[in-house]
Amino acid sequence: MTAGHLGGAAARAGAISANGEVSDLFVRLLVAQVRNQNPLEPSDPSEFVNQLTQLSQMEALSELSAQTRANAGMLESLQVIGLGAQVGAELAVTTEHVDLAEEPVKGRIALTHTVESLSLVIEDDFGRTQRLPLG
């Protein structure tokens, strides 16, 4: 393989990769490597093919990473839009405890099976508890 063939392959590789900075730098380094190689011991052509393959893989992974970040941003936007639709609506939440501020909280207890007794335990900021028997 001659330097002209390698230069053409490198130029095609640069064009395929949308002329990004990384591709441009890679092509320049590849051309410099071909120009400065020892003519008595030329580099193995498969080595250049491997380098081009690695460049293509790196660019594909970079593109995949960018698409993943874009998708994450869109999902976050969709969640915000979905939560905006819940403003003023009633909502049911399963929880072990509720932290109260100044606002009252309405609650409902749904049991999956019958119980002999049921109590609501309220704990204040100081750890004091108040047990309210519900039945």
N, C-alpha and C. Protein backbone atom coordinates (compact mmCIF):
# COMPACT_ATOMS: atom_id res chain seq x y z
N MET A 1 0.86 -1.17 0.00
CA MET A 1 0.00 0.00 0.00
C MET A 1 0.90 1.23 0.00
N THR A 2 0.62 2.17 -0.86
CA THR A 2 1.47 3.35 -0.96
C THR A 2 0.93 4.46 -0.09
N ALA A 3 1.76 5.47 0.09
CA ALA A 3 1.35 6.60 0.91
C ALA A 3 0.17 7.32 0.28
N GLY A 4 0.10 7.34 -1.04
CA GLY A 4 -1.03 7.98 -1.72
C GLY A 4 -2.34 7.27 -1.42
N HIS A 5 -2.31 5.95 -1.42
CA HIS A 5 -3.50 5.19 -1.08
C HIS A 5 -3.93 5.44 0.35
N LEU A 6 -2.97 5.46 1.24
CA LEU A 6 -3.28 5.70 2.65
C LEU A 6 -3.81 7.10 2.85
N GLY A 7 -3.22 8.07 2.15
CA GLY A 7 -3.69 9.45 2.28
C GLY A 7 -5.13 9.57 1.80
N GLY A 8 -5.46 8.88 0.69
CA GLY A 8 -6.83 8.90 0.19
C GLY A 8 -7.79 8.25 1.16
N ALA A 9 -7.39 7.13 1.74
CA ALA A 9 -8.23 6.44 2.72
C ALA A 9 -8.43 7.31 3.95
N ALA A 10 -7.37 7.99 4.34
CA ALA A 10 -7.48 8.86 5.51
C ALA A 10 -8.39 10.03 5.21
N ALA A 11 -8.30 10.57 3.99
CA ALA A 11 -9.18 11.68 3.63
C ALA A 11 -10.63 11.24 3.61
N ARG A 12 -10.90 10.03 3.09
CA ARG A 12 -12.27 9.51 3.09
C ARG A 12 -12.76 9.31 4.52
N ALA A 13 -11.90 8.81 5.37
CA ALA A 13 -12.29 8.60 6.77
C ALA A 13 -12.65 9.93 7.42
N GLY A 14 -11.88 10.97 7.10
CA GLY A 14 -12.18 12.29 7.66
C GLY A 14 -13.50 12.82 7.16
N ALA A 15 -13.83 12.57 5.87
CA ALA A 15 -15.09 13.04 5.31
C ALA A 15 -16.27 12.28 5.90
N ILE A 16 -16.09 10.98 6.11
CA ILE A 16 -17.16 10.16 6.66
C ILE A 16 -17.52 10.62 8.07
N SER A 17 -16.55 11.04 8.83
CA SER A 17 -16.80 11.40 10.22
C SER A 17 -17.24 12.84 10.40
N ALA A 18 -17.74 13.46 9.35
CA ALA A 18 -18.32 14.80 9.40
C ALA A 18 -17.31 15.86 9.79
N ASN A 19 -16.07 15.66 9.45
CA ASN A 19 -15.03 16.66 9.64
C ASN A 19 -14.95 17.18 11.07
N GLY A 20 -15.12 16.32 12.04
CA GLY A 20 -14.98 16.72 13.44
C GLY A 20 -13.53 16.99 13.79
N GLU A 21 -13.32 17.65 14.90
CA GLU A 21 -11.95 17.96 15.32
C GLU A 21 -11.13 16.70 15.55
N VAL A 22 -11.73 15.71 16.16
CA VAL A 22 -11.01 14.47 16.45
C VAL A 22 -10.60 13.79 15.14
N SER A 23 -11.52 13.74 14.20
CA SER A 23 -11.23 13.11 12.90
C SER A 23 -10.12 13.86 12.19
N ASP A 24 -10.20 15.17 12.21
CA ASP A 24 -9.19 15.99 11.54
C ASP A 24 -7.82 15.75 12.15
N LEU A 25 -7.75 15.74 13.46
CA LEU A 25 -6.49 15.48 14.14
C LEU A 25 -5.98 14.08 13.82
N PHE A 26 -6.88 13.10 13.83
CA PHE A 26 -6.50 11.73 13.52
C PHE A 26 -5.91 11.63 12.12
N VAL A 27 -6.55 12.25 11.14
CA VAL A 27 -6.07 12.19 9.76
C VAL A 27 -4.70 12.85 9.65
N ARG A 28 -4.53 13.98 10.31
CA ARG A 28 -3.21 14.64 10.28
C ARG A 28 -2.13 13.75 10.88
N LEU A 29 -2.44 13.11 12.00
CA LEU A 29 -1.47 12.22 12.62
C LEU A 29 -1.19 11.00 11.75
N LEU A 30 -2.21 10.46 11.12
CA LEU A 30 -2.03 9.31 10.25
C LEU A 30 -1.15 9.66 9.04
N VAL A 31 -1.40 10.82 8.43
CA VAL A 31 -0.59 11.26 7.29
C VAL A 31 0.85 11.49 7.73
N ALA A 32 1.04 12.11 8.89
CA ALA A 32 2.40 12.34 9.40
C ALA A 32 3.10 11.01 9.66
N GLN A 33 2.36 10.04 10.17
CA GLN A 33 2.94 8.73 10.44
C GLN A 33 3.38 8.06 9.13
N VAL A 34 2.57 8.17 8.09
CA VAL A 34 2.92 7.58 6.79
C VAL A 34 4.13 8.28 6.19
N ARG A 35 4.14 9.60 6.25
CA ARG A 35 5.26 10.37 5.68
C ARG A 35 6.57 10.09 6.39
N ASN A 36 6.53 9.87 7.68
CA ASN A 36 7.75 9.74 8.46
C ASN A 36 8.14 8.30 8.77
N GLN A 37 7.47 7.35 8.14
CA GLN A 37 7.83 5.96 8.42
C GLN A 37 9.14 5.59 7.72
N ASN A 38 9.76 4.59 8.20
CA ASN A 38 11.01 4.09 7.63
C ASN A 38 10.68 3.38 6.32
N PRO A 39 11.21 3.86 5.18
CA PRO A 39 10.89 3.22 3.90
C PRO A 39 11.38 1.78 3.81
N LEU A 40 12.40 1.43 4.58
CA LEU A 40 12.91 0.06 4.55
C LEU A 40 12.03 -0.89 5.38
N GLU A 41 11.29 -0.34 6.32
CA GLU A 41 10.39 -1.14 7.16
C GLU A 41 9.03 -0.44 7.23
N PRO A 42 8.25 -0.48 6.15
CA PRO A 42 6.96 0.23 6.16
C PRO A 42 5.99 -0.40 7.17
N SER A 43 5.07 0.42 7.62
CA SER A 43 4.07 -0.04 8.59
C SER A 43 3.13 -1.04 7.93
N ASP A 44 2.60 -1.90 8.74
CA ASP A 44 1.65 -2.91 8.28
C ASP A 44 0.33 -2.21 7.91
N PRO A 45 -0.21 -2.44 6.70
CA PRO A 45 -1.47 -1.79 6.30
C PRO A 45 -2.63 -2.14 7.22
N SER A 46 -2.63 -3.34 7.78
CA SER A 46 -3.73 -3.70 8.67
C SER A 46 -3.73 -2.84 9.93
N GLU A 47 -2.56 -2.32 10.30
CA GLU A 47 -2.48 -1.43 11.45
C GLU A 47 -3.26 -0.14 11.18
N PHE A 48 -3.15 0.38 9.95
CA PHE A 48 -3.90 1.58 9.59
C PHE A 48 -5.40 1.31 9.57
N VAL A 49 -5.78 0.15 9.07
CA VAL A 49 -7.19 -0.22 9.05
C VAL A 49 -7.72 -0.33 10.48
N ASN A 50 -6.93 -0.91 11.37
CA ASN A 50 -7.34 -1.00 12.77
C ASN A 50 -7.51 0.38 13.38
N GLN A 51 -6.62 1.30 13.06
CA GLN A 51 -6.73 2.66 13.59
C GLN A 51 -7.99 3.35 13.07
N LEU A 52 -8.29 3.17 11.77
CA LEU A 52 -9.51 3.76 11.21
C LEU A 52 -10.75 3.16 11.86
N THR A 53 -10.71 1.87 12.12
CA THR A 53 -11.83 1.20 12.78
C THR A 53 -12.02 1.74 14.20
N GLN A 54 -10.94 1.91 14.91
CA GLN A 54 -11.03 2.45 16.27
C GLN A 54 -11.59 3.87 16.25
N LEU A 55 -11.19 4.67 15.27
CA LEU A 55 -11.73 6.03 15.15
C LEU A 55 -13.23 5.97 14.91
N SER A 56 -13.67 5.11 14.01
CA SER A 56 -15.10 4.99 13.72
C SER A 56 -15.87 4.56 14.97
N GLN A 57 -15.32 3.61 15.71
CA GLN A 57 -15.99 3.15 16.93
C GLN A 57 -16.07 4.26 17.96
N MET A 58 -14.99 5.02 18.11
CA MET A 58 -14.99 6.11 19.08
C MET A 58 -16.03 7.17 18.70
N GLU A 59 -16.11 7.49 17.41
CA GLU A 59 -17.09 8.48 16.98
C GLU A 59 -18.51 7.97 17.18
N ALA A 60 -18.75 6.69 16.93
CA ALA A 60 -20.07 6.12 17.14
C ALA A 60 -20.45 6.17 18.62
N LEU A 61 -19.50 5.86 19.49
CA LEU A 61 -19.77 5.93 20.93
C LEU A 61 -20.01 7.36 21.39
N SER A 62 -19.29 8.31 20.83
CA SER A 62 -19.51 9.72 21.17
C SER A 62 -20.90 10.15 20.75
N GLU A 63 -21.31 9.75 19.56
CA GLU A 63 -22.65 10.08 19.07
C GLU A 63 -23.72 9.43 19.95
N LEU A 64 -23.50 8.18 20.33
CA LEU A 64 -24.44 7.48 21.20
C LEU A 64 -24.54 8.18 22.56
N SER A 65 -23.41 8.62 23.08
CA SER A 65 -23.41 9.34 24.35
C SER A 65 -24.20 10.65 24.24
N ALA A 66 -24.00 11.37 23.14
CA ALA A 66 -24.72 12.63 22.95
C ALA A 66 -26.23 12.37 22.83
N GLN A 67 -26.61 11.32 22.12
CA GLN A 67 -28.02 10.99 21.98
C GLN A 67 -28.62 10.58 23.32
N THR A 68 -27.87 9.86 24.13
CA THR A 68 -28.35 9.45 25.44
C THR A 68 -28.58 10.67 26.33
N ARG A 69 -27.65 11.63 26.30
CA ARG A 69 -27.83 12.86 27.08
C ARG A 69 -29.06 13.63 26.60
N ALA A 70 -29.26 13.69 25.29
CA ALA A 70 -30.43 14.38 24.75
C ALA A 70 -31.72 13.68 25.18
N ASN A 71 -31.73 12.35 25.13
CA ASN A 71 -32.91 11.59 25.56
C ASN A 71 -33.20 11.81 27.04
N ALA A 72 -32.17 11.85 27.86
CA ALA A 72 -32.37 12.09 29.30
C ALA A 72 -32.98 13.46 29.53
N GLY A 73 -32.53 14.46 28.78
CA GLY A 73 -33.10 15.80 28.90
C GLY A 73 -34.56 15.83 28.49
N MET A 74 -34.89 15.11 27.41
CA MET A 74 -36.29 15.07 26.97
C MET A 74 -37.16 14.35 27.98
N LEU A 75 -36.66 13.26 28.57
CA LEU A 75 -37.44 12.55 29.59
C LEU A 75 -37.69 13.43 30.81
N GLU A 76 -36.69 14.19 31.20
CA GLU A 76 -36.86 15.10 32.33
C GLU A 76 -37.92 16.14 32.01
N SER A 77 -37.90 16.67 30.79
CA SER A 77 -38.92 17.65 30.38
C SER A 77 -40.31 17.03 30.39
N LEU A 78 -40.42 15.80 29.92
CA LEU A 78 -41.71 15.12 29.93
C LEU A 78 -42.23 14.91 31.35
N GLN A 79 -41.32 14.59 32.28
CA GLN A 79 -41.74 14.42 33.67
C GLN A 79 -42.26 15.73 34.24
N VAL A 80 -41.60 16.82 33.94
CA VAL A 80 -42.05 18.13 34.43
C VAL A 80 -43.42 18.45 33.86
N ILE A 81 -43.61 18.19 32.57
CA ILE A 81 -44.91 18.45 31.95
C ILE A 81 -45.98 17.57 32.59
N GLY A 82 -45.66 16.31 32.82
CA GLY A 82 -46.61 15.39 33.45
C GLY A 82 -46.96 15.82 34.86
N LEU A 83 -45.98 16.27 35.62
CA LEU A 83 -46.25 16.74 36.98
C LEU A 83 -47.07 18.02 36.97
N GLY A 84 -46.85 18.86 35.98
CA GLY A 84 -47.63 20.09 35.86
C GLY A 84 -49.11 19.80 35.68
N ALA A 85 -49.44 18.71 35.05
CA ALA A 85 -50.83 18.33 34.85
C ALA A 85 -51.48 17.89 36.16
N GLN A 86 -50.69 17.57 37.19
CA GLN A 86 -51.22 17.11 38.47
C GLN A 86 -51.54 18.24 39.44
N VAL A 87 -51.19 19.48 39.09
CA VAL A 87 -51.43 20.60 39.99
C VAL A 87 -52.93 20.72 40.24
N GLY A 88 -53.30 20.75 41.50
CA GLY A 88 -54.69 20.87 41.90
C GLY A 88 -55.44 19.54 41.90
N ALA A 89 -54.82 18.48 41.49
CA ALA A 89 -55.49 17.18 41.45
C ALA A 89 -55.23 16.41 42.74
N GLU A 90 -56.12 15.48 43.04
CA GLU A 90 -55.89 14.60 44.18
C GLU A 90 -54.95 13.50 43.76
N LEU A 91 -54.17 13.05 44.73
CA LEU A 91 -53.19 12.05 44.40
C LEU A 91 -53.04 11.08 45.56
N ALA A 92 -52.82 9.83 45.27
CA ALA A 92 -52.65 8.81 46.31
C ALA A 92 -51.19 8.37 46.35
N VAL A 93 -50.65 8.33 47.57
CA VAL A 93 -49.25 7.96 47.75
C VAL A 93 -49.16 6.93 48.86
N THR A 94 -48.38 5.90 48.63
CA THR A 94 -48.12 4.90 49.67
C THR A 94 -46.84 5.30 50.39
N THR A 95 -46.92 5.41 51.73
CA THR A 95 -45.75 5.85 52.48
C THR A 95 -45.76 5.27 53.89
N GLU A 96 -44.60 5.25 54.49
CA GLU A 96 -44.46 4.80 55.87
C GLU A 96 -44.67 5.96 56.85
N HIS A 97 -44.34 7.17 56.43
CA HIS A 97 -44.49 8.34 57.30
C HIS A 97 -44.71 9.60 56.46
N VAL A 98 -45.22 10.65 57.12
CA VAL A 98 -45.47 11.93 56.46
C VAL A 98 -44.85 13.02 57.32
N ASP A 99 -44.07 13.91 56.70
CA ASP A 99 -43.53 15.07 57.42
C ASP A 99 -44.46 16.25 57.20
N LEU A 100 -44.99 16.79 58.30
CA LEU A 100 -45.94 17.90 58.21
C LEU A 100 -45.24 19.22 58.48
N ALA A 101 -45.64 20.23 57.77
CA ALA A 101 -45.17 21.60 58.05
C ALA A 101 -46.36 22.32 58.65
N GLU A 102 -46.71 23.45 58.09
CA GLU A 102 -47.85 24.22 58.60
C GLU A 102 -49.17 23.76 57.98
N GLU A 103 -49.09 23.10 56.85
CA GLU A 103 -50.29 22.70 56.11
C GLU A 103 -50.87 21.39 56.65
N PRO A 104 -52.18 21.29 56.76
CA PRO A 104 -52.79 20.02 57.15
C PRO A 104 -52.70 19.02 55.99
N VAL A 105 -52.67 17.75 56.35
CA VAL A 105 -52.61 16.68 55.36
C VAL A 105 -53.80 15.76 55.57
N LYS A 106 -54.53 15.51 54.49
CA LYS A 106 -55.62 14.55 54.55
C LYS A 106 -55.04 13.19 54.23
N GLY A 107 -55.54 12.18 54.90
CA GLY A 107 -55.00 10.85 54.65
C GLY A 107 -56.08 9.79 54.62
N ARG A 108 -55.77 8.68 54.03
CA ARG A 108 -56.67 7.55 53.97
C ARG A 108 -55.83 6.30 54.15
N ILE A 109 -56.37 5.35 54.87
CA ILE A 109 -55.66 4.10 55.09
C ILE A 109 -56.44 3.00 54.39
N ALA A 110 -55.78 2.29 53.52
CA ALA A 110 -56.41 1.16 52.82
C ALA A 110 -55.70 -0.11 53.28
N LEU A 111 -56.46 -0.98 53.90
CA LEU A 111 -55.90 -2.23 54.40
C LEU A 111 -56.13 -3.35 53.40
N THR A 112 -55.14 -4.18 53.23
CA THR A 112 -55.28 -5.31 52.30
C THR A 112 -55.95 -6.51 52.95
N HIS A 113 -55.99 -6.52 54.29
CA HIS A 113 -56.67 -7.59 55.01
C HIS A 113 -57.17 -7.03 56.35
N THR A 114 -58.04 -7.76 57.02
CA THR A 114 -58.61 -7.28 58.27
C THR A 114 -57.58 -7.32 59.39
N VAL A 115 -57.75 -6.39 60.34
CA VAL A 115 -56.87 -6.33 61.51
C VAL A 115 -57.74 -6.21 62.75
N GLU A 116 -57.21 -6.64 63.90
CA GLU A 116 -57.96 -6.54 65.15
C GLU A 116 -58.00 -5.12 65.66
N SER A 117 -56.88 -4.39 65.52
CA SER A 117 -56.86 -3.00 65.96
C SER A 117 -55.95 -2.21 65.03
N LEU A 118 -56.24 -0.90 64.95
CA LEU A 118 -55.47 -0.03 64.07
C LEU A 118 -55.24 1.29 64.80
N SER A 119 -53.99 1.76 64.79
CA SER A 119 -53.65 3.02 65.45
C SER A 119 -52.84 3.89 64.50
N LEU A 120 -53.02 5.19 64.66
CA LEU A 120 -52.22 6.16 63.93
C LEU A 120 -51.25 6.76 64.95
N VAL A 121 -49.96 6.69 64.67
CA VAL A 121 -48.95 7.21 65.59
C VAL A 121 -48.40 8.50 65.01
N ILE A 122 -48.51 9.59 65.78
CA ILE A 122 -47.99 10.89 65.36
C ILE A 122 -46.78 11.21 66.22
N GLU A 123 -45.67 11.58 65.58
CA GLU A 123 -44.43 11.89 66.28
C GLU A 123 -44.04 13.33 65.98
N ASP A 124 -43.68 14.10 67.04
CA ASP A 124 -43.27 15.49 66.81
C ASP A 124 -41.77 15.59 66.58
N ASP A 125 -41.27 16.82 66.40
CA ASP A 125 -39.84 17.04 66.13
C ASP A 125 -38.94 16.57 67.26
N PHE A 126 -39.48 16.46 68.46
CA PHE A 126 -38.68 16.09 69.63
C PHE A 126 -38.73 14.59 69.91
N GLY A 127 -39.42 13.84 69.05
CA GLY A 127 -39.50 12.40 69.22
C GLY A 127 -40.65 11.94 70.10
N ARG A 128 -41.47 12.87 70.57
CA ARG A 128 -42.63 12.49 71.38
C ARG A 128 -43.71 11.94 70.46
N THR A 129 -44.35 10.88 70.90
CA THR A 129 -45.37 10.25 70.06
C THR A 129 -46.75 10.38 70.69
N GLN A 130 -47.73 10.41 69.83
CA GLN A 130 -49.13 10.42 70.24
C GLN A 130 -49.82 9.32 69.44
N ARG A 131 -50.40 8.36 70.14
CA ARG A 131 -51.07 7.24 69.47
C ARG A 131 -52.57 7.51 69.46
N LEU A 132 -53.15 7.42 68.25
CA LEU A 132 -54.59 7.60 68.09
C LEU A 132 -55.19 6.28 67.63
N PRO A 133 -55.99 5.64 68.48
CA PRO A 133 -56.63 4.39 68.06
C PRO A 133 -57.70 4.68 67.00
N LEU A 134 -57.67 3.94 65.92
CA LEU A 134 -58.64 4.14 64.84
C LEU A 134 -59.67 3.02 64.78
N GLY A 135 -59.46 1.98 65.50
CA GLY A 135 -60.47 0.92 65.49
C GLY A 135 -59.86 -0.42 65.72
